[in-house]
């Protein structure tokens, strides 16, 4: 009976992992010079990443409709990050304010490709993702590396960051935390969007 449950779980997760691999290989993150964190005024490197349920989110497409707030989480550094849970919950609770500002929010869940879709599913369990908000997978840190946010240390993944991108694809606000905490609040992100 236990083996059947494991096979069922593998049957569910494997297609998502395969999709994440395909979506992030040649058509994933748009090629850019890796390693440099964009500054205010820079063009935001484009990305095209899968959600845990197999849809694809592309930054440049979202930006056509209005500002995009990109929130880079820590993913799964051996556990589900409590600060990421708190920040995501706060942003979800402020969804109506983001909608009023015509802004969409993309949460980036980075990690090694193996098991990433399953870990993201655990992170999202019991959460309802509001309209205008998206959670994407960042297999093998493709976006994290591209944006210069890889926290390359034991039990670390990415530096938490929040980036506001305008309709032209330009970075208008960025804040990177070099610790687990010091995340910006939803209200601060909404304030940054309101200045566009």
Protein backbone atom coordinates (compact mmCIF):
# COMPACT_ATOMS: atom_id res chain seq x y z
CA UNK A 1 0.00 0.00 0.00
CA UNK A 2 2.83 2.38 0.91
CA UNK A 3 4.57 1.68 -2.44
CA UNK A 4 1.36 2.59 -4.31
CA UNK A 5 1.22 5.94 -2.49
CA UNK A 6 4.85 6.65 -3.41
CA UNK A 7 4.18 5.72 -7.04
CA UNK A 8 1.14 8.01 -7.08
CA UNK A 9 3.21 10.89 -5.71
CA UNK A 10 5.97 10.27 -8.25
CA UNK A 11 3.39 10.16 -11.05
CA UNK A 12 2.10 13.56 -9.92
CA UNK A 13 5.46 15.27 -9.34
CA UNK A 14 7.50 13.90 -12.26
CA UNK A 15 5.51 15.64 -15.03
CA UNK A 16 5.82 18.96 -13.18
CA UNK A 17 9.56 18.50 -12.79
CA UNK A 18 9.89 17.57 -16.46
CA UNK A 19 7.86 20.63 -17.42
CA UNK A 20 10.03 22.86 -15.23
CA UNK A 21 13.12 21.42 -16.91
CA UNK A 22 11.76 22.04 -20.39
CA UNK A 23 10.46 25.50 -19.58
CA UNK A 24 13.78 26.60 -18.15
CA UNK A 25 16.19 25.07 -20.60
CA UNK A 26 16.26 26.84 -23.93
CA UNK A 27 13.08 28.85 -23.35
CA UNK A 28 13.37 29.61 -19.64
CA UNK A 29 15.21 32.65 -18.45
CA UNK A 30 16.07 34.89 -21.39
CA UNK A 31 19.86 34.86 -21.85
CA UNK A 32 21.61 37.76 -20.13
CA UNK A 33 25.02 38.22 -18.54
CA UNK A 34 24.73 36.36 -15.20
CA UNK A 35 25.61 37.62 -11.80
CA UNK A 36 24.84 41.34 -11.76
CA UNK A 37 21.99 42.49 -9.57
CA UNK A 38 20.02 45.09 -11.53
CA UNK A 39 19.85 48.62 -10.15
CA UNK A 40 17.08 51.20 -10.37
CA UNK A 41 16.98 52.39 -13.97
CA UNK A 42 18.31 49.12 -15.44
CA UNK A 43 16.30 46.91 -17.75
CA UNK A 44 14.93 44.00 -15.74
CA UNK A 45 16.23 40.72 -17.18
CA UNK A 46 13.26 38.93 -18.68
CA UNK A 47 12.26 35.47 -17.49
CA UNK A 48 9.79 32.78 -18.44
CA UNK A 49 9.27 30.30 -15.63
CA UNK A 50 6.72 27.59 -14.78
CA UNK A 51 4.22 27.62 -11.95
CA UNK A 52 3.88 24.46 -9.86
CA UNK A 53 0.69 23.57 -11.78
CA UNK A 54 2.38 23.80 -15.19
CA UNK A 55 1.45 27.25 -16.46
CA UNK A 56 4.16 29.64 -17.66
CA UNK A 57 4.71 33.20 -16.44
CA UNK A 58 6.81 35.66 -18.43
CA UNK A 59 7.87 38.96 -16.90
CA UNK A 60 7.71 40.97 -20.14
CA UNK A 61 4.17 39.73 -20.86
CA UNK A 62 2.92 40.64 -17.39
CA UNK A 63 4.57 44.06 -17.57
CA UNK A 64 2.53 44.97 -20.66
CA UNK A 65 -0.53 45.21 -18.40
CA UNK A 66 1.10 47.25 -15.63
CA UNK A 67 3.74 47.15 -12.92
CA UNK A 68 5.12 43.83 -11.72
CA UNK A 69 6.45 43.19 -8.23
CA UNK A 70 8.94 40.31 -8.23
CA UNK A 71 9.52 38.77 -4.80
CA UNK A 72 12.45 36.34 -4.62
CA UNK A 73 11.93 33.86 -1.79
CA UNK A 74 14.43 31.43 -0.27
CA UNK A 75 12.63 28.36 -1.57
CA UNK A 76 13.58 25.22 0.34
CA UNK A 77 16.98 25.51 2.09
CA UNK A 78 16.29 22.25 3.94
CA UNK A 79 13.04 23.56 5.46
CA UNK A 80 10.14 25.82 4.55
CA UNK A 81 11.34 29.33 5.41
CA UNK A 82 9.15 30.94 8.12
CA UNK A 83 10.04 34.46 6.95
CA UNK A 84 8.98 33.55 3.39
CA UNK A 85 5.68 32.17 4.71
CA UNK A 86 5.07 35.36 6.69
CA UNK A 87 5.95 37.65 3.78
CA UNK A 88 3.86 35.70 1.29
CA UNK A 89 0.90 35.70 3.68
CA UNK A 90 1.19 39.44 4.14
CA UNK A 91 1.28 40.05 0.38
CA UNK A 92 -1.67 37.69 -0.16
CA UNK A 93 -3.64 39.62 2.46
CA UNK A 94 -2.91 42.86 0.56
CA UNK A 95 -3.97 41.44 -2.82
CA UNK A 96 -6.82 43.90 -3.23
CA UNK A 97 -4.44 46.86 -2.80
CA UNK A 98 -2.13 45.46 -5.47
CA UNK A 99 -5.12 44.96 -7.79
CA UNK A 100 -6.22 48.57 -7.21
CA UNK A 101 -2.69 49.65 -8.22
CA UNK A 102 -2.98 47.45 -11.34
CA UNK A 103 0.15 45.61 -10.19
CA UNK A 104 0.80 41.90 -10.42
CA UNK A 105 3.07 40.04 -8.01
CA UNK A 106 5.37 37.15 -8.91
CA UNK A 107 6.84 35.06 -6.09
CA UNK A 108 9.98 33.19 -7.17
CA UNK A 109 10.56 29.85 -5.40
CA UNK A 110 14.19 28.84 -6.15
CA UNK A 111 15.99 25.59 -5.56
CA UNK A 112 17.59 22.55 -7.09
CA UNK A 113 15.40 21.16 -9.83
CA UNK A 114 15.07 17.75 -8.21
CA UNK A 115 12.02 17.87 -5.94
CA UNK A 116 11.42 21.61 -6.42
CA UNK A 117 7.81 21.27 -7.62
CA UNK A 118 7.01 19.03 -4.64
CA UNK A 119 8.60 21.47 -2.17
CA UNK A 120 6.74 24.41 -3.71
CA UNK A 121 3.52 22.40 -3.40
CA UNK A 122 4.25 21.90 0.30
CA UNK A 123 4.92 25.63 0.69
CA UNK A 124 1.59 26.49 -0.96
CA UNK A 125 -0.46 23.85 0.84
CA UNK A 126 -3.51 25.45 2.44
CA UNK A 127 -2.87 28.80 0.73
CA UNK A 128 -5.17 30.37 -1.84
CA UNK A 129 -3.19 32.37 -4.40
CA UNK A 130 -5.15 35.59 -5.04
CA UNK A 131 -5.89 36.92 -8.52
CA UNK A 132 -2.99 38.90 -9.91
CA UNK A 133 -0.43 36.91 -7.94
CA UNK A 134 1.73 34.09 -9.25
CA UNK A 135 4.19 31.61 -7.76
CA UNK A 136 6.89 30.39 -10.14
CA UNK A 137 9.60 27.77 -9.83
CA UNK A 138 13.24 28.72 -10.35
CA UNK A 139 14.88 25.33 -11.04
CA UNK A 140 18.64 25.23 -10.46
CA UNK A 141 18.66 28.95 -9.64
CA UNK A 142 18.51 30.18 -13.24
CA UNK A 143 16.70 33.43 -12.38
CA UNK A 144 18.43 33.73 -9.01
CA UNK A 145 21.84 33.58 -10.71
CA UNK A 146 20.75 35.89 -13.52
CA UNK A 147 19.68 38.54 -11.01
CA UNK A 148 22.86 38.10 -8.93
CA UNK A 149 20.88 36.91 -5.91
CA UNK A 150 22.40 33.46 -5.32
CA UNK A 151 23.23 33.01 -1.63
CA UNK A 152 25.89 30.39 -2.13
CA UNK A 153 26.39 29.10 1.39
CA UNK A 154 25.48 25.96 3.32
CA UNK A 155 21.69 25.66 3.71
CA UNK A 156 21.11 28.83 1.69
CA UNK A 157 19.51 29.42 -1.67
CA UNK A 158 18.79 33.03 -2.65
CA UNK A 159 18.99 36.44 -1.02
CA UNK A 160 15.42 37.57 -0.40
CA UNK A 161 14.62 40.46 -2.71
CA UNK A 162 11.75 42.59 -3.94
CA UNK A 163 11.93 44.26 -7.34
CA UNK A 164 9.35 46.58 -8.90
CA UNK A 165 9.35 46.62 -12.70
CA UNK A 166 7.37 49.17 -14.73
CA UNK A 167 5.48 48.65 -18.01
CA UNK A 168 8.63 49.43 -20.00
CA UNK A 169 10.51 46.63 -18.23
CA UNK A 170 12.66 49.02 -16.20
CA UNK A 171 13.58 48.39 -12.55
CA UNK A 172 12.00 51.19 -10.54
CA UNK A 173 12.62 49.80 -7.04
CA UNK A 174 14.83 47.05 -5.64
CA UNK A 175 15.65 45.96 -2.14
CA UNK A 176 17.80 42.93 -1.34
CA UNK A 177 18.17 41.43 2.13
CA UNK A 178 21.48 39.84 3.05
CA UNK A 179 19.76 38.00 5.92
CA UNK A 180 16.71 35.80 6.40
CA UNK A 181 14.67 38.75 7.65
CA UNK A 182 14.56 42.41 6.63
CA UNK A 183 11.89 41.71 4.01
CA UNK A 184 9.95 44.64 2.69
CA UNK A 185 6.31 44.81 3.64
CA UNK A 186 3.44 44.64 1.19
CA UNK A 187 2.67 48.28 2.03
CA UNK A 188 6.19 49.35 1.07
CA UNK A 189 5.88 47.49 -2.24
CA UNK A 190 2.51 49.15 -2.90
CA UNK A 191 4.08 52.53 -2.08
CA UNK A 192 6.85 51.87 -4.64
CA UNK A 193 4.24 50.91 -7.25
CA UNK A 194 2.19 54.05 -6.51
CA UNK A 195 5.16 56.24 -7.51
CA UNK A 196 5.15 54.93 -11.09
